[in-house]
Amino acid sequence: ASPVQGQSETGEVRTSETRSTRDGVFTQEQAERGSVVYREFCSECHAVDWYRGEAVEWWDGRPVWELYDFLRNTMPEDHP
């Protein structure tokens, strides 16, 4: 499967492999859905405080694809 493409504010076409976590890659609606999923599936093991400091800083500026791939390959399939 090919990476998803998007266009930046400058008109530059970027793929999901090159878009950064700082590129505003999701909408408010997607963020709200993600919040629901987090509360249902993630909060049991990952407290909100975990998402501050080094854990989040490590992802700063990294490609979105890396984050997706990491989550897909490391979270339990029966409890993503």
N, C-alpha and C. Protein backbone atom coordinates (compact mmCIF):
# COMPACT_ATOMS: atom_id res chain seq x y z
N ALA A 1 0.85 -1.18 0.00
CA ALA A 1 0.00 0.00 0.00
C ALA A 1 0.89 1.24 0.00
N SER A 2 0.48 2.22 -0.74
CA SER A 2 1.27 3.44 -0.80
C SER A 2 0.88 4.37 0.34
N PRO A 3 1.82 5.20 0.77
CA PRO A 3 1.53 6.14 1.85
C PRO A 3 0.49 7.16 1.43
N VAL A 4 -0.24 7.68 2.37
CA VAL A 4 -1.24 8.70 2.12
C VAL A 4 -0.52 10.00 1.81
N GLN A 5 -1.05 10.75 0.83
CA GLN A 5 -0.44 12.03 0.49
C GLN A 5 -1.29 13.17 1.03
N GLY A 6 -0.64 14.27 1.34
CA GLY A 6 -1.32 15.48 1.78
C GLY A 6 -0.59 16.68 1.24
N GLN A 7 -1.24 17.83 1.33
CA GLN A 7 -0.60 19.05 0.84
C GLN A 7 -0.46 20.01 2.01
N SER A 8 0.72 20.55 2.19
CA SER A 8 0.97 21.48 3.29
C SER A 8 0.42 22.85 2.93
N GLU A 9 0.45 23.76 3.91
CA GLU A 9 -0.02 25.12 3.67
C GLU A 9 0.78 25.82 2.59
N THR A 10 2.02 25.41 2.38
CA THR A 10 2.86 26.03 1.36
C THR A 10 2.64 25.42 -0.01
N GLY A 11 1.78 24.40 -0.08
CA GLY A 11 1.51 23.74 -1.35
C GLY A 11 2.39 22.53 -1.59
N GLU A 12 3.34 22.29 -0.70
CA GLU A 12 4.24 21.14 -0.85
C GLU A 12 3.47 19.85 -0.58
N VAL A 13 3.58 18.89 -1.49
CA VAL A 13 2.93 17.60 -1.31
C VAL A 13 3.82 16.74 -0.43
N ARG A 14 3.23 16.21 0.63
CA ARG A 14 3.99 15.37 1.56
C ARG A 14 3.21 14.09 1.78
N THR A 15 3.93 13.00 1.94
CA THR A 15 3.29 11.72 2.21
C THR A 15 3.24 11.49 3.71
N SER A 16 2.47 10.47 4.12
CA SER A 16 2.40 10.14 5.54
C SER A 16 3.75 9.71 6.08
N GLU A 17 4.64 9.31 5.20
CA GLU A 17 5.98 8.92 5.64
C GLU A 17 6.84 10.13 5.96
N THR A 18 6.51 11.29 5.39
CA THR A 18 7.33 12.47 5.64
C THR A 18 6.62 13.52 6.48
N ARG A 19 5.31 13.44 6.60
CA ARG A 19 4.59 14.41 7.42
C ARG A 19 4.94 14.19 8.88
N SER A 20 5.13 15.27 9.57
CA SER A 20 5.54 15.22 10.97
C SER A 20 4.33 15.29 11.89
N THR A 21 4.55 14.88 13.13
CA THR A 21 3.49 14.98 14.13
C THR A 21 3.16 16.44 14.42
N ARG A 22 3.96 17.38 13.96
CA ARG A 22 3.70 18.81 14.14
C ARG A 22 2.93 19.42 12.97
N ASP A 23 2.60 18.64 11.96
CA ASP A 23 1.97 19.18 10.76
C ASP A 23 0.46 19.38 10.88
N GLY A 24 -0.12 19.20 12.06
CA GLY A 24 -1.56 19.34 12.20
C GLY A 24 -2.27 18.32 11.33
N VAL A 25 -1.95 17.06 11.54
CA VAL A 25 -2.36 16.00 10.63
C VAL A 25 -3.73 15.41 10.95
N PHE A 26 -4.46 16.02 11.88
CA PHE A 26 -5.79 15.51 12.20
C PHE A 26 -6.74 16.67 12.45
N THR A 27 -8.03 16.39 12.30
CA THR A 27 -9.05 17.41 12.52
C THR A 27 -9.50 17.38 13.97
N GLN A 28 -10.26 18.38 14.38
CA GLN A 28 -10.81 18.41 15.73
C GLN A 28 -11.72 17.20 15.96
N GLU A 29 -12.52 16.85 14.96
CA GLU A 29 -13.40 15.68 15.06
C GLU A 29 -12.59 14.40 15.28
N GLN A 30 -11.49 14.25 14.56
CA GLN A 30 -10.64 13.08 14.74
C GLN A 30 -10.02 13.07 16.14
N ALA A 31 -9.64 14.24 16.64
CA ALA A 31 -9.07 14.33 17.99
C ALA A 31 -10.10 13.92 19.03
N GLU A 32 -11.34 14.33 18.84
CA GLU A 32 -12.41 13.95 19.77
C GLU A 32 -12.66 12.45 19.74
N ARG A 33 -12.67 11.86 18.55
CA ARG A 33 -12.83 10.39 18.44
C ARG A 33 -11.66 9.68 19.10
N GLY A 34 -10.46 10.21 18.89
CA GLY A 34 -9.28 9.63 19.52
C GLY A 34 -9.35 9.68 21.03
N SER A 35 -9.91 10.75 21.56
CA SER A 35 -10.07 10.89 23.00
C SER A 35 -10.99 9.80 23.55
N VAL A 36 -12.06 9.52 22.83
CA VAL A 36 -12.99 8.45 23.24
C VAL A 36 -12.28 7.10 23.21
N VAL A 37 -11.54 6.84 22.14
CA VAL A 37 -10.80 5.57 22.02
C VAL A 37 -9.77 5.46 23.14
N TYR A 38 -9.06 6.56 23.41
CA TYR A 38 -8.06 6.56 24.48
C TYR A 38 -8.70 6.17 25.81
N ARG A 39 -9.80 6.83 26.15
CA ARG A 39 -10.46 6.54 27.43
C ARG A 39 -10.93 5.10 27.50
N GLU A 40 -11.41 4.56 26.39
CA GLU A 40 -11.95 3.20 26.38
C GLU A 40 -10.86 2.13 26.39
N PHE A 41 -9.78 2.34 25.64
CA PHE A 41 -8.79 1.28 25.46
C PHE A 41 -7.42 1.54 26.08
N CYS A 42 -7.00 2.78 26.18
CA CYS A 42 -5.61 3.08 26.54
C CYS A 42 -5.41 3.51 27.99
N SER A 43 -6.40 4.22 28.54
CA SER A 43 -6.22 4.85 29.85
C SER A 43 -6.00 3.85 30.98
N GLU A 44 -6.44 2.62 30.79
CA GLU A 44 -6.24 1.60 31.82
C GLU A 44 -4.75 1.37 32.08
N CYS A 45 -3.94 1.41 31.04
CA CYS A 45 -2.50 1.16 31.18
C CYS A 45 -1.66 2.44 31.05
N HIS A 46 -2.18 3.44 30.37
CA HIS A 46 -1.42 4.66 30.09
C HIS A 46 -2.15 5.87 30.66
N ALA A 47 -1.72 6.34 31.82
CA ALA A 47 -2.30 7.52 32.44
C ALA A 47 -1.99 8.75 31.60
N VAL A 48 -2.85 9.75 31.69
CA VAL A 48 -2.65 10.98 30.93
C VAL A 48 -1.27 11.58 31.21
N ASP A 49 -0.82 11.52 32.45
CA ASP A 49 0.50 12.07 32.81
C ASP A 49 1.63 11.43 32.02
N TRP A 50 1.43 10.20 31.57
CA TRP A 50 2.45 9.51 30.79
C TRP A 50 2.73 10.24 29.48
N TYR A 51 1.75 10.97 28.99
CA TYR A 51 1.87 11.64 27.69
C TYR A 51 2.48 13.03 27.81
N ARG A 52 3.22 13.25 28.86
CA ARG A 52 3.95 14.50 29.03
C ARG A 52 5.43 14.17 29.14
N GLY A 53 6.25 15.13 28.90
CA GLY A 53 7.68 14.93 29.09
C GLY A 53 8.32 14.09 28.00
N GLU A 54 9.26 13.24 28.40
CA GLU A 54 10.09 12.51 27.45
C GLU A 54 9.30 11.62 26.49
N ALA A 55 8.25 10.98 26.98
CA ALA A 55 7.47 10.08 26.11
C ALA A 55 6.92 10.82 24.90
N VAL A 56 6.42 12.02 25.11
CA VAL A 56 5.86 12.80 24.01
C VAL A 56 6.96 13.52 23.24
N GLU A 57 7.94 14.04 23.94
CA GLU A 57 9.03 14.77 23.28
C GLU A 57 9.76 13.89 22.27
N TRP A 58 9.85 12.60 22.55
CA TRP A 58 10.53 11.70 21.63
C TRP A 58 9.85 11.69 20.26
N TRP A 59 8.52 11.86 20.23
CA TRP A 59 7.78 11.84 18.96
C TRP A 59 7.75 13.19 18.26
N ASP A 60 8.16 14.25 18.93
CA ASP A 60 8.08 15.59 18.38
C ASP A 60 8.85 15.69 17.06
N GLY A 61 8.12 16.00 15.99
CA GLY A 61 8.73 16.18 14.68
C GLY A 61 8.97 14.90 13.90
N ARG A 62 8.71 13.76 14.50
CA ARG A 62 8.90 12.49 13.78
C ARG A 62 7.75 12.28 12.80
N PRO A 63 7.98 11.48 11.77
CA PRO A 63 6.90 11.19 10.81
C PRO A 63 5.72 10.49 11.48
N VAL A 64 4.53 10.87 11.08
CA VAL A 64 3.31 10.27 11.61
C VAL A 64 3.32 8.76 11.38
N TRP A 65 3.86 8.34 10.24
CA TRP A 65 3.89 6.91 9.93
C TRP A 65 4.63 6.13 11.01
N GLU A 66 5.71 6.68 11.55
CA GLU A 66 6.46 6.00 12.62
C GLU A 66 5.59 5.79 13.85
N LEU A 67 4.82 6.81 14.22
CA LEU A 67 3.93 6.69 15.38
C LEU A 67 2.88 5.61 15.13
N TYR A 68 2.25 5.66 13.97
CA TYR A 68 1.24 4.65 13.63
C TYR A 68 1.85 3.25 13.65
N ASP A 69 2.99 3.09 13.02
CA ASP A 69 3.64 1.79 12.94
C ASP A 69 4.03 1.28 14.33
N PHE A 70 4.54 2.17 15.17
CA PHE A 70 4.90 1.79 16.53
C PHE A 70 3.67 1.30 17.30
N LEU A 71 2.59 2.05 17.24
CA LEU A 71 1.37 1.65 17.96
C LEU A 71 0.81 0.35 17.42
N ARG A 72 0.79 0.23 16.11
CA ARG A 72 0.23 -0.97 15.48
C ARG A 72 1.02 -2.21 15.85
N ASN A 73 2.31 -2.07 16.00
CA ASN A 73 3.17 -3.24 16.25
C ASN A 73 3.46 -3.51 17.72
N THR A 74 3.12 -2.60 18.62
CA THR A 74 3.47 -2.82 20.02
C THR A 74 2.27 -2.93 20.96
N MET A 75 1.12 -2.47 20.56
CA MET A 75 -0.05 -2.56 21.44
C MET A 75 -0.74 -3.90 21.24
N PRO A 76 -1.31 -4.46 22.31
CA PRO A 76 -1.97 -5.77 22.20
C PRO A 76 -3.13 -5.74 21.21
N GLU A 77 -3.22 -6.75 20.37
CA GLU A 77 -4.28 -6.80 19.36
C GLU A 77 -5.66 -6.89 19.99
N ASP A 78 -5.75 -7.56 21.14
CA ASP A 78 -7.06 -7.71 21.77
C ASP A 78 -7.43 -6.52 22.66
N HIS A 79 -6.52 -5.58 22.80
CA HIS A 79 -6.78 -4.39 23.63
C HIS A 79 -5.88 -3.26 23.14
N PRO A 80 -6.16 -2.78 21.92
CA PRO A 80 -5.27 -1.79 21.29
C PRO A 80 -5.20 -0.48 22.06
